[in-house]
Amino acid sequence: MDDRNLVAVAEQAAGPSRVLRGPIAGCTIKADDGRVFLGCLLEFEDSSADIDPISNGIATGCVEGMRRVARIGFYSPTAGQQPQIPTVTLLRLKEMAVPGLAIIFSTGNGDRVEKSLEELLLESEIS
């Protein structure tokens, strides 16, 4: 699955999001064996129970035997601003990512931005 399709499927995955505070969000997790898993944003009254789309997709993949994450497509209509990934999710990815993992972000305006996990960890001041 190429990057364009990763983002297109992530946009579809955002559809069933349960949102109370923000825009919908969805992701496509491509495993190192080529399989693809979807995740969406789930928000609850107690925000500590929220599940971001990447964590949701990782959980789905792990249930199906996924070992490593190779690439991610992430969609959220955030008015042109890059969607934020929770620190705890970046830490999960750090343990499960193949070397050179990249996330392709789309905010729905037709542009895609690719960021490596290393860049995102630095931005979050995690090393």
N, C-alpha and C. Protein backbone atom coordinates (compact mmCIF):
# COMPACT_ATOMS: atom_id res chain seq x y z
N MET A 1 0.86 -1.18 0.00
CA MET A 1 0.00 0.00 0.00
C MET A 1 0.90 1.23 0.00
N ASP A 2 0.70 2.13 -0.96
CA ASP A 2 1.52 3.33 -1.03
C ASP A 2 1.00 4.41 -0.07
N ASP A 3 1.76 5.51 0.05
CA ASP A 3 1.41 6.56 1.01
C ASP A 3 0.06 7.19 0.73
N ARG A 4 -0.25 7.38 -0.54
CA ARG A 4 -1.53 7.99 -0.89
C ARG A 4 -2.69 7.13 -0.37
N ASN A 5 -2.57 5.82 -0.57
CA ASN A 5 -3.62 4.91 -0.09
C ASN A 5 -3.64 4.82 1.43
N LEU A 6 -2.45 4.88 2.05
CA LEU A 6 -2.42 4.87 3.52
C LEU A 6 -3.26 6.01 4.08
N VAL A 7 -3.12 7.20 3.49
CA VAL A 7 -3.86 8.37 3.96
C VAL A 7 -5.34 8.26 3.61
N ALA A 8 -5.65 7.78 2.40
CA ALA A 8 -7.05 7.65 1.99
C ALA A 8 -7.80 6.69 2.90
N VAL A 9 -7.17 5.57 3.24
CA VAL A 9 -7.81 4.60 4.12
C VAL A 9 -7.91 5.16 5.54
N ALA A 10 -6.91 5.93 5.97
CA ALA A 10 -6.97 6.58 7.30
C ALA A 10 -8.15 7.53 7.38
N GLU A 11 -8.44 8.23 6.27
CA GLU A 11 -9.59 9.14 6.24
C GLU A 11 -10.88 8.35 6.42
N GLN A 12 -10.98 7.20 5.79
CA GLN A 12 -12.15 6.34 5.97
C GLN A 12 -12.23 5.81 7.39
N ALA A 13 -11.07 5.48 7.97
CA ALA A 13 -11.03 4.94 9.34
C ALA A 13 -11.50 5.97 10.35
N ALA A 14 -11.38 7.26 10.03
CA ALA A 14 -11.80 8.32 10.96
C ALA A 14 -13.31 8.39 11.12
N GLY A 15 -14.04 7.85 10.14
CA GLY A 15 -15.50 7.93 10.15
C GLY A 15 -16.17 7.51 11.45
N PRO A 16 -15.83 6.35 12.01
CA PRO A 16 -16.51 5.93 13.24
C PRO A 16 -15.96 6.55 14.53
N SER A 17 -15.10 7.56 14.41
CA SER A 17 -14.56 8.20 15.61
C SER A 17 -15.69 8.62 16.55
N ARG A 18 -15.39 8.55 17.82
CA ARG A 18 -16.32 9.03 18.85
C ARG A 18 -15.64 10.25 19.45
N VAL A 19 -16.13 11.45 19.09
CA VAL A 19 -15.48 12.66 19.53
C VAL A 19 -16.41 13.51 20.39
N LEU A 20 -15.83 14.10 21.43
CA LEU A 20 -16.53 15.01 22.32
C LEU A 20 -15.85 16.38 22.37
N ARG A 21 -14.54 16.42 22.05
CA ARG A 21 -13.79 17.66 22.23
C ARG A 21 -13.05 18.14 20.98
N GLY A 22 -12.90 17.33 20.00
CA GLY A 22 -12.06 17.73 18.88
C GLY A 22 -12.54 17.12 17.59
N PRO A 23 -11.73 17.26 16.54
CA PRO A 23 -12.11 16.69 15.25
C PRO A 23 -11.91 15.18 15.22
N ILE A 24 -12.58 14.53 14.29
CA ILE A 24 -12.38 13.11 14.10
C ILE A 24 -10.93 12.85 13.71
N ALA A 25 -10.50 11.62 13.86
CA ALA A 25 -9.14 11.24 13.46
C ALA A 25 -9.11 9.74 13.19
N GLY A 26 -8.30 9.37 12.21
CA GLY A 26 -8.15 7.96 11.88
C GLY A 26 -6.75 7.67 11.41
N CYS A 27 -6.37 6.41 11.47
CA CYS A 27 -5.03 6.05 11.00
C CYS A 27 -5.06 4.67 10.35
N THR A 28 -4.04 4.48 9.54
CA THR A 28 -3.78 3.20 8.91
C THR A 28 -2.39 2.77 9.38
N ILE A 29 -2.31 1.63 10.01
CA ILE A 29 -1.05 1.07 10.48
C ILE A 29 -0.62 -0.01 9.49
N LYS A 30 0.53 0.16 8.87
CA LYS A 30 1.05 -0.88 7.99
C LYS A 30 2.10 -1.66 8.77
N ALA A 31 1.86 -2.95 8.90
CA ALA A 31 2.78 -3.82 9.64
C ALA A 31 3.97 -4.19 8.75
N ASP A 32 5.03 -4.66 9.38
CA ASP A 32 6.22 -5.05 8.62
C ASP A 32 5.98 -6.24 7.70
N ASP A 33 4.90 -6.98 7.91
CA ASP A 33 4.58 -8.10 7.02
C ASP A 33 3.60 -7.69 5.92
N GLY A 34 3.28 -6.37 5.84
CA GLY A 34 2.43 -5.86 4.78
C GLY A 34 0.96 -5.75 5.12
N ARG A 35 0.54 -6.37 6.20
CA ARG A 35 -0.87 -6.25 6.59
C ARG A 35 -1.17 -4.84 7.06
N VAL A 36 -2.44 -4.46 6.97
CA VAL A 36 -2.86 -3.11 7.32
C VAL A 36 -3.95 -3.18 8.38
N PHE A 37 -3.85 -2.30 9.37
CA PHE A 37 -4.82 -2.24 10.46
C PHE A 37 -5.29 -0.80 10.63
N LEU A 38 -6.55 -0.63 11.01
CA LEU A 38 -7.15 0.69 11.14
C LEU A 38 -7.38 1.05 12.59
N GLY A 39 -7.38 2.35 12.85
CA GLY A 39 -7.70 2.85 14.17
C GLY A 39 -8.43 4.18 14.05
N CYS A 40 -9.29 4.47 15.01
CA CYS A 40 -9.98 5.76 15.04
C CYS A 40 -9.90 6.34 16.45
N LEU A 41 -10.21 7.62 16.54
CA LEU A 41 -10.18 8.33 17.82
C LEU A 41 -11.43 7.99 18.62
N LEU A 42 -11.24 7.68 19.89
CA LEU A 42 -12.35 7.44 20.81
C LEU A 42 -12.18 8.38 22.00
N GLU A 43 -13.13 9.30 22.17
CA GLU A 43 -13.09 10.23 23.31
C GLU A 43 -14.23 9.90 24.26
N PHE A 44 -13.94 10.05 25.54
CA PHE A 44 -14.91 9.75 26.59
C PHE A 44 -15.04 10.95 27.51
N GLU A 45 -16.10 10.95 28.33
CA GLU A 45 -16.30 12.08 29.24
C GLU A 45 -15.06 12.31 30.10
N ASP A 46 -14.47 11.24 30.61
CA ASP A 46 -13.21 11.34 31.34
C ASP A 46 -12.09 11.22 30.30
N SER A 47 -11.43 12.33 30.01
CA SER A 47 -10.44 12.34 28.93
C SER A 47 -9.26 11.39 29.18
N SER A 48 -9.07 10.97 30.42
CA SER A 48 -7.98 10.01 30.69
C SER A 48 -8.29 8.64 30.08
N ALA A 49 -9.54 8.41 29.68
CA ALA A 49 -9.92 7.15 29.06
C ALA A 49 -9.87 7.20 27.53
N ASP A 50 -9.53 8.36 26.97
CA ASP A 50 -9.48 8.52 25.51
C ASP A 50 -8.46 7.55 24.89
N ILE A 51 -8.74 7.14 23.66
CA ILE A 51 -7.83 6.28 22.91
C ILE A 51 -7.56 6.95 21.57
N ASP A 52 -6.30 7.28 21.32
CA ASP A 52 -5.95 7.93 20.06
C ASP A 52 -5.96 6.89 18.95
N PRO A 53 -6.07 7.34 17.69
CA PRO A 53 -6.19 6.38 16.59
C PRO A 53 -4.99 5.46 16.41
N ILE A 54 -3.79 5.94 16.67
CA ILE A 54 -2.61 5.09 16.49
C ILE A 54 -2.60 3.97 17.52
N SER A 55 -2.87 4.31 18.78
CA SER A 55 -2.94 3.27 19.81
C SER A 55 -4.04 2.27 19.50
N ASN A 56 -5.16 2.77 19.00
CA ASN A 56 -6.28 1.91 18.62
C ASN A 56 -5.84 0.96 17.51
N GLY A 57 -5.16 1.49 16.50
CA GLY A 57 -4.68 0.66 15.39
C GLY A 57 -3.62 -0.34 15.81
N ILE A 58 -2.73 0.08 16.71
CA ILE A 58 -1.71 -0.85 17.23
C ILE A 58 -2.38 -2.00 17.97
N ALA A 59 -3.38 -1.69 18.79
CA ALA A 59 -4.08 -2.74 19.53
C ALA A 59 -4.76 -3.72 18.58
N THR A 60 -5.40 -3.19 17.54
CA THR A 60 -6.03 -4.05 16.55
C THR A 60 -5.00 -4.96 15.89
N GLY A 61 -3.86 -4.39 15.52
CA GLY A 61 -2.81 -5.17 14.89
C GLY A 61 -2.25 -6.24 15.81
N CYS A 62 -2.04 -5.88 17.06
CA CYS A 62 -1.47 -6.86 18.01
C CYS A 62 -2.41 -8.04 18.22
N VAL A 63 -3.72 -7.79 18.23
CA VAL A 63 -4.70 -8.87 18.36
C VAL A 63 -4.55 -9.85 17.20
N GLU A 64 -4.18 -9.33 16.03
CA GLU A 64 -4.03 -10.16 14.83
C GLU A 64 -2.59 -10.65 14.62
N GLY A 65 -1.71 -10.46 15.60
CA GLY A 65 -0.37 -11.00 15.53
C GLY A 65 0.69 -10.06 14.95
N MET A 66 0.37 -8.78 14.78
CA MET A 66 1.37 -7.83 14.27
C MET A 66 2.52 -7.73 15.27
N ARG A 67 3.73 -7.71 14.73
CA ARG A 67 4.92 -7.58 15.57
C ARG A 67 5.53 -6.19 15.51
N ARG A 68 5.61 -5.61 14.31
CA ARG A 68 6.29 -4.32 14.13
C ARG A 68 5.47 -3.41 13.23
N VAL A 69 5.58 -2.12 13.48
CA VAL A 69 4.91 -1.11 12.67
C VAL A 69 5.90 -0.57 11.66
N ALA A 70 5.52 -0.61 10.37
CA ALA A 70 6.43 -0.18 9.30
C ALA A 70 6.13 1.22 8.79
N ARG A 71 4.86 1.62 8.78
CA ARG A 71 4.49 2.93 8.24
C ARG A 71 3.08 3.26 8.73
N ILE A 72 2.79 4.56 8.84
CA ILE A 72 1.48 4.98 9.34
C ILE A 72 0.94 6.12 8.48
N GLY A 73 -0.33 6.02 8.14
CA GLY A 73 -1.06 7.14 7.56
C GLY A 73 -1.98 7.69 8.64
N PHE A 74 -2.02 9.02 8.81
CA PHE A 74 -2.80 9.64 9.88
C PHE A 74 -3.61 10.79 9.30
N TYR A 75 -4.92 10.75 9.51
CA TYR A 75 -5.81 11.80 9.00
C TYR A 75 -6.59 12.43 10.14
N SER A 76 -6.64 13.76 10.14
CA SER A 76 -7.52 14.51 11.02
C SER A 76 -7.69 15.90 10.44
N PRO A 77 -8.93 16.35 10.25
CA PRO A 77 -9.16 17.69 9.69
C PRO A 77 -8.90 18.77 10.74
N THR A 78 -7.67 19.14 10.92
CA THR A 78 -7.25 20.06 11.98
C THR A 78 -6.89 21.44 11.44
N ALA A 79 -7.61 21.89 10.44
CA ALA A 79 -7.43 23.24 9.88
C ALA A 79 -5.98 23.50 9.48
N GLY A 80 -5.35 22.52 8.87
CA GLY A 80 -3.99 22.70 8.36
C GLY A 80 -2.89 22.49 9.38
N GLN A 81 -3.22 22.36 10.65
CA GLN A 81 -2.19 22.12 11.67
C GLN A 81 -1.98 20.61 11.80
N GLN A 82 -0.71 20.23 11.99
CA GLN A 82 -0.40 18.81 12.15
C GLN A 82 -1.09 18.26 13.39
N PRO A 83 -1.81 17.16 13.26
CA PRO A 83 -2.42 16.54 14.44
C PRO A 83 -1.33 16.13 15.44
N GLN A 84 -1.66 16.21 16.70
CA GLN A 84 -0.72 15.85 17.76
C GLN A 84 -0.88 14.39 18.14
N ILE A 85 0.24 13.74 18.37
CA ILE A 85 0.25 12.35 18.82
C ILE A 85 0.65 12.36 20.28
N PRO A 86 -0.15 11.74 21.15
CA PRO A 86 0.19 11.72 22.57
C PRO A 86 1.57 11.11 22.83
N THR A 87 2.25 11.62 23.82
CA THR A 87 3.58 11.15 24.18
C THR A 87 3.59 9.65 24.44
N VAL A 88 2.60 9.15 25.13
CA VAL A 88 2.56 7.71 25.45
C VAL A 88 2.50 6.89 24.16
N THR A 89 1.84 7.40 23.14
CA THR A 89 1.76 6.69 21.86
C THR A 89 3.11 6.70 21.16
N LEU A 90 3.82 7.82 21.22
CA LEU A 90 5.16 7.87 20.64
C LEU A 90 6.07 6.86 21.33
N LEU A 91 5.93 6.71 22.63
CA LEU A 91 6.73 5.72 23.36
C LEU A 91 6.38 4.30 22.94
N ARG A 92 5.09 4.04 22.70
CA ARG A 92 4.70 2.71 22.20
C ARG A 92 5.34 2.46 20.84
N LEU A 93 5.28 3.47 19.98
CA LEU A 93 5.85 3.31 18.64
C LEU A 93 7.36 3.10 18.71
N LYS A 94 8.02 3.77 19.64
CA LYS A 94 9.46 3.61 19.79
C LYS A 94 9.84 2.15 20.02
N GLU A 95 8.99 1.43 20.73
CA GLU A 95 9.25 0.02 21.02
C GLU A 95 8.83 -0.92 19.88
N MET A 96 7.88 -0.49 19.06
CA MET A 96 7.30 -1.39 18.05
C MET A 96 7.68 -1.05 16.62
N ALA A 97 8.38 0.05 16.40
CA ALA A 97 8.65 0.53 15.04
C ALA A 97 9.84 -0.16 14.40
N VAL A 98 9.73 -0.36 13.10
CA VAL A 98 10.90 -0.77 12.33
C VAL A 98 11.79 0.45 12.21
N PRO A 99 13.09 0.27 12.01
CA PRO A 99 13.97 1.43 11.84
C PRO A 99 13.48 2.31 10.67
N GLY A 100 13.46 3.61 10.91
CA GLY A 100 13.06 4.55 9.86
C GLY A 100 11.56 4.75 9.73
N LEU A 101 10.78 4.33 10.72
CA LEU A 101 9.33 4.50 10.66
C LEU A 101 8.98 5.95 10.35
N ALA A 102 8.03 6.16 9.44
CA ALA A 102 7.53 7.49 9.13
C ALA A 102 6.02 7.49 9.25
N ILE A 103 5.50 8.66 9.61
CA ILE A 103 4.06 8.87 9.68
C ILE A 103 3.71 9.92 8.64
N ILE A 104 2.71 9.63 7.82
CA ILE A 104 2.27 10.56 6.80
C ILE A 104 0.99 11.20 7.31
N PHE A 105 1.06 12.51 7.54
CA PHE A 105 -0.07 13.27 8.08
C PHE A 105 -0.87 13.91 6.96
N SER A 106 -2.19 13.92 7.11
CA SER A 106 -3.08 14.64 6.21
C SER A 106 -4.13 15.36 7.05
N THR A 107 -4.37 16.61 6.72
CA THR A 107 -5.42 17.37 7.40
C THR A 107 -6.62 17.57 6.50
N GLY A 108 -6.64 16.89 5.36
CA GLY A 108 -7.78 16.95 4.48
C GLY A 108 -7.73 18.04 3.42
N ASN A 109 -6.63 18.77 3.36
CA ASN A 109 -6.53 19.85 2.37
C ASN A 109 -5.78 19.42 1.11
N GLY A 110 -5.49 18.14 1.01
CA GLY A 110 -4.78 17.62 -0.15
C GLY A 110 -3.28 17.50 0.02
N ASP A 111 -2.73 18.17 1.01
CA ASP A 111 -1.29 18.09 1.27
C ASP A 111 -1.01 16.96 2.25
N ARG A 112 0.15 16.34 2.07
CA ARG A 112 0.61 15.32 3.00
C ARG A 112 1.98 15.73 3.52
N VAL A 113 2.19 15.50 4.81
CA VAL A 113 3.47 15.81 5.43
C VAL A 113 3.99 14.53 6.05
N GLU A 114 5.23 14.18 5.71
CA GLU A 114 5.87 12.99 6.26
C GLU A 114 6.83 13.40 7.36
N LYS A 115 6.72 12.73 8.51
CA LYS A 115 7.64 12.96 9.62
C LYS A 115 8.12 11.61 10.12
N SER A 116 9.40 11.55 10.42
CA SER A 116 9.94 10.31 10.99
C SER A 116 9.59 10.24 12.47
N LEU A 117 9.59 9.04 12.99
CA LEU A 117 9.36 8.87 14.42
C LEU A 117 10.42 9.62 15.20
N GLU A 118 11.66 9.61 14.72
CA GLU A 118 12.74 10.33 15.40
C GLU A 118 12.43 11.83 15.50
N GLU A 119 11.93 12.42 14.42
CA GLU A 119 11.56 13.84 14.46
C GLU A 119 10.46 14.10 15.49
N LEU A 120 9.46 13.24 15.52
CA LEU A 120 8.36 13.43 16.46
C LEU A 120 8.81 13.26 17.90
N LEU A 121 9.72 12.32 18.13
CA LEU A 121 10.26 12.14 19.48
C LEU A 121 11.05 13.38 19.91
N LEU A 122 11.84 13.94 19.00
CA LEU A 122 12.59 15.15 19.33
C LEU A 122 11.66 16.32 19.62
N GLU A 123 10.61 16.47 18.80
CA GLU A 123 9.64 17.54 19.03
C GLU A 123 8.96 17.41 20.38
N SER A 124 8.76 16.18 20.83
CA SER A 124 8.14 15.94 22.12
C SER A 124 9.15 15.87 23.26
N GLU A 125 10.43 16.11 22.89
CA GLU A 125 11.53 16.08 23.85
C GLU A 125 11.71 14.72 24.50
N ILE A 126 11.46 13.67 23.71
CA ILE A 126 11.69 12.29 24.14
C ILE A 126 12.84 11.76 23.30
N SER A 127 13.78 11.09 23.89
CA SER A 127 14.86 10.51 23.06
C SER A 127 15.06 9.06 23.35
